[in-house]
Amino acid sequence: MDITVNILMTIATAATPLLIAAIGELVVERSGVLNLGVEGMMVMGTIGGFGAAYLTGNPWIGLFAGIALGAIFSLLFAVMTLSLATNQVATGLSLTILGLGLSGMMGTNFVGLPGERLPNLYIPVLTDIPVIGRLLFGQDPIFYMSIVLVIAVAWFLFRTRTGLTLRSIGDSHTSAHALGIQVIRYRYLAVVFGGACAGLAGAHLSLVYTPQWVENMTAGRGWIALALVVFASWRPLRVLAGAYIFGAVWIGQLHAQAFGIPVPSQFLSSLPYLATIVVLVLISRNKRLTMMNTPASLGQPFVPDR
């Protein structure tokens, strides 16, 4: 039973950064912006979180530093794509490459150093409940933030007037502009929110998942988060389910290697990415499912008065 609980806790830990990054990207894409720079923003949050926590000795400062770096990087993306109307795909890819290179340069002096870890929650009596105690009341703080974030985003998008406005911009920015809605302003806020979520997801990796700094430690999680948004058909609760499915695949391949299953380790390590490809192929075959919730203006630049 202890082994089962430990596996479930590691699945939750592995799923949390995927969930946070994906839910932030979902809000961005609901506004009609396609941000392919999630990986770069995540890795900047990773080095920001680790570096600030190591230098101050306070993991909470590291957490906020990771969020801030992700938001700053997303603001750069917003200026390029929203104010200067550059191509969103090319800009996102460029920022990912920039983030990977810049984080590697910033983290040169942190390689091999011990990190500061965010402690897990402990509530007397509740955390000590057999089996469910550690699962429900003994996780790291960012795990609970991720659950609250999903609920808050779902409520915001489908239960508030502002959320309806944001979705209307994603469906038709021209019509929204004709109604007097400030399209660029809403998209700026959505992009910065998505970047902050990516930074938080990255900080989780270096403060909870593996409290150390290793170059390119996001290992493609930003791309998986992008795939999760499509997998979930742009619905927050489906993102939650998808993140835990991918988290289970990620942890499953690690345990398979530990148990000595006679399969090449390279193949097991590729399973999370293989699962991503398979899911996207299956979804793409169902055009009705793909188009059902896809923002109609996704990836299209908008320039007022042009």
C-alpha atoms as a PDB file:
ATOM      1  CA  MET A   1       0.000   0.000   0.000  1.00  0.00           C
ATOM      2  CA  ASP A   2       2.864   2.390   0.773  1.00  0.00           C
ATOM      3  CA  ILE A   3       4.330   1.722  -2.667  1.00  0.00           C
ATOM      4  CA  THR A   4       0.966   2.510  -4.293  1.00  0.00           C
ATOM      5  CA  VAL A   5       0.628   5.750  -2.342  1.00  0.00           C
ATOM      6  CA  ASN A   6       4.163   6.782  -3.294  1.00  0.00           C
ATOM      7  CA  ILE A   7       3.481   6.093  -6.974  1.00  0.00           C
ATOM      8  CA  LEU A   8       0.238   8.089  -6.879  1.00  0.00           C
ATOM      9  CA  MET A   9       2.023  10.994  -5.200  1.00  0.00           C
ATOM     10  CA  THR A  10       4.781  10.986  -7.797  1.00  0.00           C
ATOM     11  CA  ILE A  11       2.141  10.945 -10.558  1.00  0.00           C
ATOM     12  CA  ALA A  12       0.531  14.032  -9.001  1.00  0.00           C
ATOM     13  CA  THR A  13       3.936  15.707  -8.772  1.00  0.00           C
ATOM     14  CA  ALA A  14       4.725  14.905 -12.416  1.00  0.00           C
ATOM     15  CA  ALA A  15       1.291  16.059 -13.612  1.00  0.00           C
ATOM     16  CA  THR A  16       1.289  19.393 -11.769  1.00  0.00           C
ATOM     17  CA  PRO A  17       3.679  21.351 -14.058  1.00  0.00           C
ATOM     18  CA  LEU A  18       1.909  19.976 -17.138  1.00  0.00           C
ATOM     19  CA  LEU A  19      -1.451  21.015 -15.727  1.00  0.00           C
ATOM     20  CA  ILE A  20      -0.379  24.543 -14.771  1.00  0.00           C
ATOM     21  CA  ALA A  21       1.352  25.262 -18.078  1.00  0.00           C
ATOM     22  CA  ALA A  22      -1.564  23.820 -20.069  1.00  0.00           C
ATOM     23  CA  ILE A  23      -4.264  25.734 -18.189  1.00  0.00           C
ATOM     24  CA  GLY A  24      -2.358  28.983 -18.771  1.00  0.00           C
ATOM     25  CA  GLU A  25      -1.993  28.213 -22.467  1.00  0.00           C
ATOM     26  CA  LEU A  26      -5.703  27.361 -22.647  1.00  0.00           C
ATOM     27  CA  VAL A  27      -6.593  30.902 -21.546  1.00  0.00           C
ATOM     28  CA  VAL A  28      -4.138  32.333 -24.085  1.00  0.00           C
ATOM     29  CA  GLU A  29      -5.598  30.286 -26.935  1.00  0.00           C
ATOM     30  CA  ARG A  30      -9.161  31.085 -25.874  1.00  0.00           C
ATOM     31  CA  SER A  31      -8.265  34.709 -26.579  1.00  0.00           C
ATOM     32  CA  GLY A  32      -7.181  33.749 -30.106  1.00  0.00           C
ATOM     33  CA  VAL A  33      -3.391  33.804 -29.558  1.00  0.00           C
ATOM     34  CA  LEU A  34      -1.208  30.777 -30.281  1.00  0.00           C
ATOM     35  CA  ASN A  35       1.826  30.839 -27.993  1.00  0.00           C
ATOM     36  CA  LEU A  36       4.433  28.250 -28.966  1.00  0.00           C
ATOM     37  CA  GLY A  37       6.916  29.775 -26.536  1.00  0.00           C
ATOM     38  CA  VAL A  38       5.587  27.860 -23.522  1.00  0.00           C
ATOM     39  CA  GLU A  39       8.704  25.693 -23.336  1.00  0.00           C
ATOM     40  CA  GLY A  40      10.963  28.745 -23.245  1.00  0.00           C
ATOM     41  CA  MET A  41       8.836  30.445 -20.588  1.00  0.00           C
ATOM     42  CA  MET A  42       8.813  27.269 -18.495  1.00  0.00           C
ATOM     43  CA  VAL A  43      12.581  26.902 -18.576  1.00  0.00           C
ATOM     44  CA  MET A  44      13.013  30.564 -17.603  1.00  0.00           C
ATOM     45  CA  GLY A  45      10.714  29.927 -14.645  1.00  0.00           C
ATOM     46  CA  THR A  46      12.873  26.939 -13.768  1.00  0.00           C
ATOM     47  CA  ILE A  47      16.142  28.857 -13.585  1.00  0.00           C
ATOM     48  CA  GLY A  48      14.435  31.859 -11.995  1.00  0.00           C
ATOM     49  CA  GLY A  49      12.900  29.697  -9.282  1.00  0.00           C
ATOM     50  CA  PHE A  50      16.062  27.776  -8.517  1.00  0.00           C
ATOM     51  CA  GLY A  51      18.406  30.759  -8.665  1.00  0.00           C
ATOM     52  CA  ALA A  52      16.318  33.036  -6.450  1.00  0.00           C
ATOM     53  CA  ALA A  53      15.672  30.260  -3.923  1.00  0.00           C
ATOM     54  CA  TYR A  54      19.351  29.337  -3.764  1.00  0.00           C
ATOM     55  CA  LEU A  55      20.584  32.913  -3.386  1.00  0.00           C
ATOM     56  CA  THR A  56      18.020  33.877  -0.732  1.00  0.00           C
ATOM     57  CA  GLY A  57      17.549  30.506   0.958  1.00  0.00           C
ATOM     58  CA  ASN A  58      13.788  30.972   0.634  1.00  0.00           C
ATOM     59  CA  PRO A  59      11.902  28.721  -1.832  1.00  0.00           C
ATOM     60  CA  TRP A  60       8.864  31.023  -1.749  1.00  0.00           C
ATOM     61  CA  ILE A  61      10.950  33.865  -3.144  1.00  0.00           C
ATOM     62  CA  GLY A  62      12.109  31.427  -5.816  1.00  0.00           C
ATOM     63  CA  LEU A  63       8.494  30.601  -6.600  1.00  0.00           C
ATOM     64  CA  PHE A  64       7.581  34.244  -7.188  1.00  0.00           C
ATOM     65  CA  ALA A  65      10.778  34.801  -9.177  1.00  0.00           C
ATOM     66  CA  GLY A  66       9.854  31.932 -11.498  1.00  0.00           C
ATOM     67  CA  ILE A  67       6.389  33.396 -12.030  1.00  0.00           C
ATOM     68  CA  ALA A  68       7.872  36.841 -12.701  1.00  0.00           C
ATOM     69  CA  LEU A  69      10.385  35.578 -15.282  1.00  0.00           C
ATOM     70  CA  GLY A  70       7.678  33.624 -17.107  1.00  0.00           C
ATOM     71  CA  ALA A  71       5.454  36.712 -17.174  1.00  0.00           C
ATOM     72  CA  ILE A  72       8.284  38.947 -18.413  1.00  0.00           C
ATOM     73  CA  PHE A  73       9.107  36.526 -21.218  1.00  0.00           C
ATOM     74  CA  SER A  74       5.424  36.352 -22.187  1.00  0.00           C
ATOM     75  CA  LEU A  75       5.277  40.149 -22.229  1.00  0.00           C
ATOM     76  CA  LEU A  76       8.065  40.107 -24.804  1.00  0.00           C
ATOM     77  CA  PHE A  77       5.999  37.665 -26.860  1.00  0.00           C
ATOM     78  CA  ALA A  78       2.935  39.910 -26.494  1.00  0.00           C
ATOM     79  CA  VAL A  79       4.781  43.030 -27.661  1.00  0.00           C
ATOM     80  CA  MET A  80       6.104  41.202 -30.706  1.00  0.00           C
ATOM     81  CA  THR A  81       2.869  39.505 -31.769  1.00  0.00           C
ATOM     82  CA  LEU A  82       0.174  41.914 -30.577  1.00  0.00           C
ATOM     83  CA  SER A  83       1.767  45.345 -30.887  1.00  0.00           C
ATOM     84  CA  LEU A  84       4.109  44.636 -33.813  1.00  0.00           C
ATOM     85  CA  ALA A  85       1.887  41.951 -35.412  1.00  0.00           C
ATOM     86  CA  THR A  86       4.713  39.480 -36.033  1.00  0.00           C
ATOM     87  CA  ASN A  87       3.931  35.877 -36.926  1.00  0.00           C
ATOM     88  CA  GLN A  88       2.827  34.083 -33.767  1.00  0.00           C
ATOM     89  CA  VAL A  89       4.273  30.694 -34.699  1.00  0.00           C
ATOM     90  CA  ALA A  90       7.709  32.038 -35.646  1.00  0.00           C
ATOM     91  CA  THR A  91       7.848  34.335 -32.616  1.00  0.00           C
ATOM     92  CA  GLY A  92       6.886  31.568 -30.200  1.00  0.00           C
ATOM     93  CA  LEU A  93       9.488  29.210 -31.615  1.00  0.00           C
ATOM     94  CA  SER A  94      12.136  31.941 -31.455  1.00  0.00           C
ATOM     95  CA  LEU A  95      11.355  32.673 -27.811  1.00  0.00           C
ATOM     96  CA  THR A  96      11.596  28.991 -26.964  1.00  0.00           C
ATOM     97  CA  ILE A  97      15.074  28.825 -28.482  1.00  0.00           C
ATOM     98  CA  LEU A  98      16.010  32.072 -26.720  1.00  0.00           C
ATOM     99  CA  GLY A  99      14.706  30.792 -23.386  1.00  0.00           C
ATOM    100  CA  LEU A 100      16.632  27.523 -23.632  1.00  0.00           C
ATOM    101  CA  GLY A 101      19.856  29.318 -24.470  1.00  0.00           C
ATOM    102  CA  LEU A 102      19.447  32.161 -21.984  1.00  0.00           C
ATOM    103  CA  SER A 103      18.520  29.822 -19.111  1.00  0.00           C
ATOM    104  CA  GLY A 104      21.573  27.692 -19.844  1.00  0.00           C
ATOM    105  CA  MET A 105      23.801  30.769 -19.656  1.00  0.00           C
ATOM    106  CA  MET A 106      22.137  32.033 -16.451  1.00  0.00           C
ATOM    107  CA  GLY A 107      22.374  28.638 -14.779  1.00  0.00           C
ATOM    108  CA  THR A 108      26.037  27.923 -15.525  1.00  0.00           C
ATOM    109  CA  ASN A 109      27.110  28.626 -11.932  1.00  0.00           C
ATOM    110  CA  PHE A 110      24.206  26.677 -10.407  1.00  0.00           C
ATOM    111  CA  VAL A 111      24.919  23.266 -11.928  1.00  0.00           C
ATOM    112  CA  GLY A 112      25.417  20.608  -9.257  1.00  0.00           C
ATOM    113  CA  LEU A 113      24.407  22.840  -6.355  1.00  0.00           C
ATOM    114  CA  PRO A 114      21.789  21.659  -3.827  1.00  0.00           C
ATOM    115  CA  GLY A 115      18.471  23.420  -4.154  1.00  0.00           C
ATOM    116  CA  GLU A 116      15.832  24.716  -1.755  1.00  0.00           C
ATOM    117  CA  ARG A 117      12.706  22.561  -1.766  1.00  0.00           C
ATOM    118  CA  LEU A 118       9.174  23.710  -1.042  1.00  0.00           C
ATOM    119  CA  PRO A 119       8.009  21.566   1.899  1.00  0.00           C
ATOM    120  CA  ASN A 120       4.952  19.363   1.591  1.00  0.00           C
ATOM    121  CA  LEU A 121       1.833  20.319   3.470  1.00  0.00           C
ATOM    122  CA  TYR A 122       1.286  18.676   6.855  1.00  0.00           C
ATOM    123  CA  ILE A 123      -2.011  18.956   8.720  1.00  0.00           C
ATOM    124  CA  PRO A 124      -2.086  17.102  12.036  1.00  0.00           C
ATOM    125  CA  VAL A 125      -4.531  14.178  12.047  1.00  0.00           C
ATOM    126  CA  LEU A 126      -5.658  14.702   8.424  1.00  0.00           C
ATOM    127  CA  THR A 127      -2.263  14.001   6.856  1.00  0.00           C
ATOM    128  CA  ASP A 128      -1.897  10.938   9.086  1.00  0.00           C
ATOM    129  CA  ILE A 129      -5.067   9.284   7.749  1.00  0.00           C
ATOM    130  CA  PRO A 130      -4.064   5.959   6.145  1.00  0.00           C
ATOM    131  CA  VAL A 131      -3.749   5.990   2.346  1.00  0.00           C
ATOM    132  CA  ILE A 132      -5.727   9.144   1.524  1.00  0.00           C
ATOM    133  CA  GLY A 133      -4.088  11.361   4.134  1.00  0.00           C
ATOM    134  CA  ARG A 134      -0.831  11.922   2.245  1.00  0.00           C
ATOM    135  CA  LEU A 135      -2.603  12.005  -1.126  1.00  0.00           C
ATOM    136  CA  LEU A 136      -5.084  14.711  -0.148  1.00  0.00           C
ATOM    137  CA  PHE A 137      -3.355  16.595   2.661  1.00  0.00           C
ATOM    138  CA  GLY A 138       0.357  15.918   2.205  1.00  0.00           C
ATOM    139  CA  GLN A 139       1.181  17.305  -1.237  1.00  0.00           C
ATOM    140  CA  ASP A 140       3.349  20.287  -2.085  1.00  0.00           C
ATOM    141  CA  PRO A 141       1.707  23.765  -2.098  1.00  0.00           C
ATOM    142  CA  ILE A 142       1.874  24.132  -5.889  1.00  0.00           C
ATOM    143  CA  PHE A 143      -0.256  20.989  -6.285  1.00  0.00           C
ATOM    144  CA  TYR A 144      -3.112  22.721  -4.470  1.00  0.00           C
ATOM    145  CA  MET A 145      -2.507  25.890  -6.474  1.00  0.00           C
ATOM    146  CA  SER A 146      -2.937  23.881  -9.681  1.00  0.00           C
ATOM    147  CA  ILE A 147      -6.313  22.486  -8.605  1.00  0.00           C
ATOM    148  CA  VAL A 148      -7.555  25.930  -7.534  1.00  0.00           C
ATOM    149  CA  LEU A 149      -6.276  27.345 -10.815  1.00  0.00           C
ATOM    150  CA  VAL A 150      -8.290  24.853 -12.889  1.00  0.00           C
ATOM    151  CA  ILE A 151     -11.483  25.582 -10.944  1.00  0.00           C
ATOM    152  CA  ALA A 152     -10.911  29.344 -11.129  1.00  0.00           C
ATOM    153  CA  VAL A 153     -10.248  29.302 -14.896  1.00  0.00           C
ATOM    154  CA  ALA A 154     -13.308  27.117 -15.559  1.00  0.00           C
ATOM    155  CA  TRP A 155     -15.463  29.498 -13.524  1.00  0.00           C
ATOM    156  CA  PHE A 156     -13.929  32.573 -15.155  1.00  0.00           C
ATOM    157  CA  LEU A 157     -14.374  31.380 -18.748  1.00  0.00           C
ATOM    158  CA  PHE A 158     -17.897  30.031 -18.459  1.00  0.00           C
ATOM    159  CA  ARG A 159     -19.486  31.885 -15.544  1.00  0.00           C
ATOM    160  CA  THR A 160     -18.318  35.498 -15.888  1.00  0.00           C
ATOM    161  CA  ARG A 161     -18.980  38.295 -18.338  1.00  0.00           C
ATOM    162  CA  THR A 162     -15.243  38.930 -18.769  1.00  0.00           C
ATOM    163  CA  GLY A 163     -14.684  35.264 -19.600  1.00  0.00           C
ATOM    164  CA  LEU A 164     -17.437  35.425 -22.217  1.00  0.00           C
ATOM    165  CA  THR A 165     -15.787  38.512 -23.697  1.00  0.00           C
ATOM    166  CA  LEU A 166     -12.437  36.737 -23.849  1.00  0.00           C
ATOM    167  CA  ARG A 167     -13.973  33.749 -25.637  1.00  0.00           C
ATOM    168  CA  SER A 168     -15.780  36.026 -28.072  1.00  0.00           C
ATOM    169  CA  ILE A 169     -12.446  37.644 -28.978  1.00  0.00           C
ATOM    170  CA  GLY A 170     -11.000  34.207 -29.668  1.00  0.00           C
ATOM    171  CA  ASP A 171     -13.944  33.318 -31.885  1.00  0.00           C
ATOM    172  CA  SER A 172     -14.036  36.562 -33.855  1.00  0.00           C
ATOM    173  CA  HIS A 173     -11.707  39.423 -32.982  1.00  0.00           C
ATOM    174  CA  THR A 174     -13.137  41.531 -35.810  1.00  0.00           C
ATOM    175  CA  SER A 175     -16.682  41.326 -34.475  1.00  0.00           C
ATOM    176  CA  ALA A 176     -15.488  41.945 -30.917  1.00  0.00           C
ATOM    177  CA  HIS A 177     -13.608  45.051 -32.058  1.00  0.00           C
ATOM    178  CA  ALA A 178     -16.703  46.286 -33.891  1.00  0.00           C
ATOM    179  CA  LEU A 179     -18.616  46.042 -30.610  1.00  0.00           C
ATOM    180  CA  GLY A 180     -16.081  48.283 -28.894  1.00  0.00           C
ATOM    181  CA  ILE A 181     -14.145  45.561 -27.069  1.00  0.00           C
ATOM    182  CA  GLN A 182     -10.453  46.319 -26.554  1.00  0.00           C
ATOM    183  CA  VAL A 183      -9.087  43.208 -28.239  1.00  0.00           C
ATOM    184  CA  ILE A 184      -5.385  43.942 -27.787  1.00  0.00           C
ATOM    185  CA  ARG A 185      -5.792  44.733 -24.093  1.00  0.00           C
ATOM    186  CA  TYR A 186      -7.596  41.463 -23.382  1.00  0.00           C
ATOM    187  CA  ARG A 187      -5.016  39.492 -25.336  1.00  0.00           C
ATOM    188  CA  TYR A 188      -2.147  41.166 -23.503  1.00  0.00           C
ATOM    189  CA  LEU A 189      -3.644  40.144 -20.162  1.00  0.00           C
ATOM    190  CA  ALA A 190      -4.278  36.587 -21.380  1.00  0.00           C
ATOM    191  CA  VAL A 191      -0.731  36.179 -22.707  1.00  0.00           C
ATOM    192  CA  VAL A 192       0.856  37.497 -19.498  1.00  0.00           C
ATOM    193  CA  PHE A 193      -1.359  35.174 -17.448  1.00  0.00           C
ATOM    194  CA  GLY A 194      -0.276  32.242 -19.592  1.00  0.00           C
ATOM    195  CA  GLY A 195       3.379  33.203 -19.206  1.00  0.00           C
ATOM    196  CA  ALA A 196       3.019  33.489 -15.429  1.00  0.00           C
ATOM    197  CA  CYS A 197       1.492  29.996 -15.353  1.00  0.00           C
ATOM    198  CA  ALA A 198       4.373  28.662 -17.474  1.00  0.00           C
ATOM    199  CA  GLY A 199       6.841  30.292 -15.075  1.00  0.00           C
ATOM    200  CA  LEU A 200       5.046  28.720 -12.101  1.00  0.00           C
ATOM    201  CA  ALA A 201       5.160  25.335 -13.814  1.00  0.00           C
ATOM    202  CA  GLY A 202       8.885  25.740 -14.410  1.00  0.00           C
ATOM    203  CA  ALA A 203       9.500  26.791 -10.811  1.00  0.00           C
ATOM    204  CA  HIS A 204       7.716  23.621  -9.682  1.00  0.00           C
ATOM    205  CA  LEU A 205      10.278  21.538 -11.543  1.00  0.00           C
ATOM    206  CA  SER A 206      13.286  23.084  -9.774  1.00  0.00           C
ATOM    207  CA  LEU A 207      11.677  23.610  -6.363  1.00  0.00           C
ATOM    208  CA  VAL A 208       9.597  20.433  -5.960  1.00  0.00           C
ATOM    209  CA  TYR A 209       9.985  17.814  -8.694  1.00  0.00           C
ATOM    210  CA  THR A 210      13.812  17.885  -8.784  1.00  0.00           C
ATOM    211  CA  PRO A 211      15.215  20.571  -6.453  1.00  0.00           C
ATOM    212  CA  GLN A 212      18.321  21.252  -8.479  1.00  0.00           C
ATOM    213  CA  TRP A 213      19.301  22.969 -11.731  1.00  0.00           C
ATOM    214  CA  VAL A 214      20.031  21.011 -14.892  1.00  0.00           C
ATOM    215  CA  GLU A 215      20.168  22.653 -18.299  1.00  0.00           C
ATOM    216  CA  ASN A 216      16.994  22.059 -20.353  1.00  0.00           C
ATOM    217  CA  MET A 217      15.317  20.365 -17.387  1.00  0.00           C
ATOM    218  CA  THR A 218      11.846  21.066 -18.783  1.00  0.00           C
ATOM    219  CA  ALA A 219      12.605  18.212 -21.243  1.00  0.00           C
ATOM    220  CA  GLY A 220       9.797  19.035 -23.661  1.00  0.00           C
ATOM    221  CA  ARG A 221       7.058  19.484 -21.054  1.00  0.00           C
ATOM    222  CA  GLY A 222       6.065  22.793 -22.626  1.00  0.00           C
ATOM    223  CA  TRP A 223       5.291  21.020 -25.899  1.00  0.00           C
ATOM    224  CA  ILE A 224       3.266  18.384 -24.066  1.00  0.00           C
ATOM    225  CA  ALA A 225       1.306  21.184 -22.367  1.00  0.00           C
ATOM    226  CA  LEU A 226       0.502  22.617 -25.801  1.00  0.00           C
ATOM    227  CA  ALA A 227      -0.714  19.198 -26.939  1.00  0.00           C
ATOM    228  CA  LEU A 228      -2.814  18.879 -23.774  1.00  0.00           C
ATOM    229  CA  VAL A 229      -4.828  21.960 -24.703  1.00  0.00           C
ATOM    230  CA  VAL A 230      -5.804  20.358 -28.021  1.00  0.00           C
ATOM    231  CA  PHE A 231      -6.339  16.985 -26.325  1.00  0.00           C
ATOM    232  CA  ALA A 232      -8.753  18.673 -23.906  1.00  0.00           C
ATOM    233  CA  SER A 233     -10.639  20.503 -26.685  1.00  0.00           C
ATOM    234  CA  TRP A 234      -9.945  23.786 -24.870  1.00  0.00           C
ATOM    235  CA  ARG A 235     -11.931  22.708 -21.773  1.00  0.00           C
ATOM    236  CA  PRO A 236     -10.286  23.236 -18.335  1.00  0.00           C
ATOM    237  CA  LEU A 237     -11.571  20.086 -16.611  1.00  0.00           C
ATOM    238  CA  ARG A 238     -10.428  17.944 -19.525  1.00  0.00           C
ATOM    239  CA  VAL A 239      -6.983  19.510 -19.183  1.00  0.00           C
ATOM    240  CA  LEU A 240      -6.973  18.287 -15.583  1.00  0.00           C
ATOM    241  CA  ALA A 241      -7.749  14.729 -16.669  1.00  0.00           C
ATOM    242  CA  GLY A 242      -5.268  14.824 -19.539  1.00  0.00           C
ATOM    243  CA  ALA A 243      -2.438  16.137 -17.353  1.00  0.00           C
ATOM    244  CA  TYR A 244      -2.819  13.232 -14.951  1.00  0.00           C
ATOM    245  CA  ILE A 245      -2.940  10.732 -17.793  1.00  0.00           C
ATOM    246  CA  PHE A 246       0.314  12.096 -19.193  1.00  0.00           C
ATOM    247  CA  GLY A 247       1.757  12.291 -15.689  1.00  0.00           C
ATOM    248  CA  ALA A 248       0.978   8.611 -15.212  1.00  0.00           C
ATOM    249  CA  VAL A 249       2.711   7.767 -18.497  1.00  0.00           C
ATOM    250  CA  TRP A 250       5.740   9.834 -17.462  1.00  0.00           C
ATOM    251  CA  ILE A 251       6.051   8.129 -14.070  1.00  0.00           C
ATOM    252  CA  GLY A 252       5.154   4.722 -15.496  1.00  0.00           C
ATOM    253  CA  GLN A 253       8.178   4.674 -17.767  1.00  0.00           C
ATOM    254  CA  LEU A 254      10.451   5.594 -14.839  1.00  0.00           C
ATOM    255  CA  HIS A 255       9.097   2.762 -12.679  1.00  0.00           C
ATOM    256  CA  ALA A 256       9.303   0.360 -15.605  1.00  0.00           C
ATOM    257  CA  GLN A 257      13.023   1.086 -15.837  1.00  0.00           C
ATOM    258  CA  ALA A 258      13.421   0.708 -12.058  1.00  0.00           C
ATOM    259  CA  PHE A 259      11.673  -2.683 -12.091  1.00  0.00           C
ATOM    260  CA  GLY A 260      14.059  -3.896 -14.784  1.00  0.00           C
ATOM    261  CA  ILE A 261      11.470  -4.543 -17.492  1.00  0.00           C
ATOM    262  CA  PRO A 262      13.425  -5.915 -20.482  1.00  0.00           C
ATOM    263  CA  VAL A 263      12.665  -3.014 -22.813  1.00  0.00           C
ATOM    264  CA  PRO A 264      15.314  -0.556 -24.041  1.00  0.00           C
ATOM    265  CA  SER A 265      15.473   2.433 -21.696  1.00  0.00           C
ATOM    266  CA  GLN A 266      15.520   4.789 -24.689  1.00  0.00           C
ATOM    267  CA  PHE A 267      12.115   3.472 -25.774  1.00  0.00           C
ATOM    268  CA  LEU A 268      10.682   3.841 -22.268  1.00  0.00           C
ATOM    269  CA  SER A 269      11.986   7.401 -22.045  1.00  0.00           C
ATOM    270  CA  SER A 270      10.250   8.239 -25.318  1.00  0.00           C
ATOM    271  CA  LEU A 271       6.837   6.982 -24.136  1.00  0.00           C
ATOM    272  CA  PRO A 272       5.479  10.375 -22.941  1.00  0.00           C
ATOM    273  CA  TYR A 273       6.289  11.961 -26.312  1.00  0.00           C
ATOM    274  CA  LEU A 274       5.028   8.926 -28.221  1.00  0.00           C
ATOM    275  CA  ALA A 275       1.765   9.128 -26.285  1.00  0.00           C
ATOM    276  CA  THR A 276       1.507  12.814 -27.232  1.00  0.00           C
ATOM    277  CA  ILE A 277       1.885  12.016 -30.935  1.00  0.00           C
ATOM    278  CA  VAL A 278      -0.647   9.168 -30.783  1.00  0.00           C
ATOM    279  CA  VAL A 279      -3.225  11.347 -29.017  1.00  0.00           C
ATOM    280  CA  LEU A 280      -2.832  14.196 -31.528  1.00  0.00           C
ATOM    281  CA  VAL A 281      -3.166  11.796 -34.460  1.00  0.00           C
ATOM    282  CA  LEU A 282      -6.342  10.267 -33.017  1.00  0.00           C
ATOM    283  CA  ILE A 283      -7.849  13.689 -32.346  1.00  0.00           C
ATOM    284  CA  SER A 284      -6.999  14.990 -35.818  1.00  0.00           C
ATOM    285  CA  ARG A 285      -8.973  12.142 -37.395  1.00  0.00           C
ATOM    286  CA  ASN A 286     -12.172  13.473 -35.831  1.00  0.00           C
ATOM    287  CA  LYS A 287     -12.636  16.885 -37.457  1.00  0.00           C
ATOM    288  CA  ARG A 288     -15.889  17.537 -35.604  1.00  0.00           C
ATOM    289  CA  LEU A 289     -14.172  17.047 -32.232  1.00  0.00           C
ATOM    290  CA  THR A 290     -11.224  19.186 -33.302  1.00  0.00           C
ATOM    291  CA  MET A 291     -13.338  22.102 -34.541  1.00  0.00           C
ATOM    292  CA  MET A 292     -16.007  21.956 -31.842  1.00  0.00           C
ATOM    293  CA  ASN A 293     -14.260  24.246 -29.337  1.00  0.00           C
ATOM    294  CA  THR A 294     -11.369  25.568 -31.411  1.00  0.00           C
ATOM    295  CA  PRO A 295     -11.237  29.394 -31.242  1.00  0.00           C
ATOM    296  CA  ALA A 296     -11.970  30.516 -34.790  1.00  0.00           C
ATOM    297  CA  SER A 297      -9.411  33.364 -34.656  1.00  0.00           C
ATOM    298  CA  LEU A 298      -6.639  31.227 -33.160  1.00  0.00           C
ATOM    299  CA  GLY A 299      -3.245  32.290 -34.494  1.00  0.00           C
ATOM    300  CA  GLN A 300      -4.620  35.116 -36.617  1.00  0.00           C
ATOM    301  CA  PRO A 301      -2.986  38.538 -36.101  1.00  0.00           C
ATOM    302  CA  PHE A 302      -5.233  41.479 -35.313  1.00  0.00           C
ATOM    303  CA  VAL A 303      -4.326  45.067 -36.100  1.00  0.00           C
ATOM    304  CA  PRO A 304      -7.014  47.709 -35.439  1.00  0.00           C
ATOM    305  CA  ASP A 305      -7.865  50.098 -38.279  1.00  0.00           C
ATOM    306  CA  ARG A 306      -6.133  47.991 -40.892  1.00  0.00           C
END
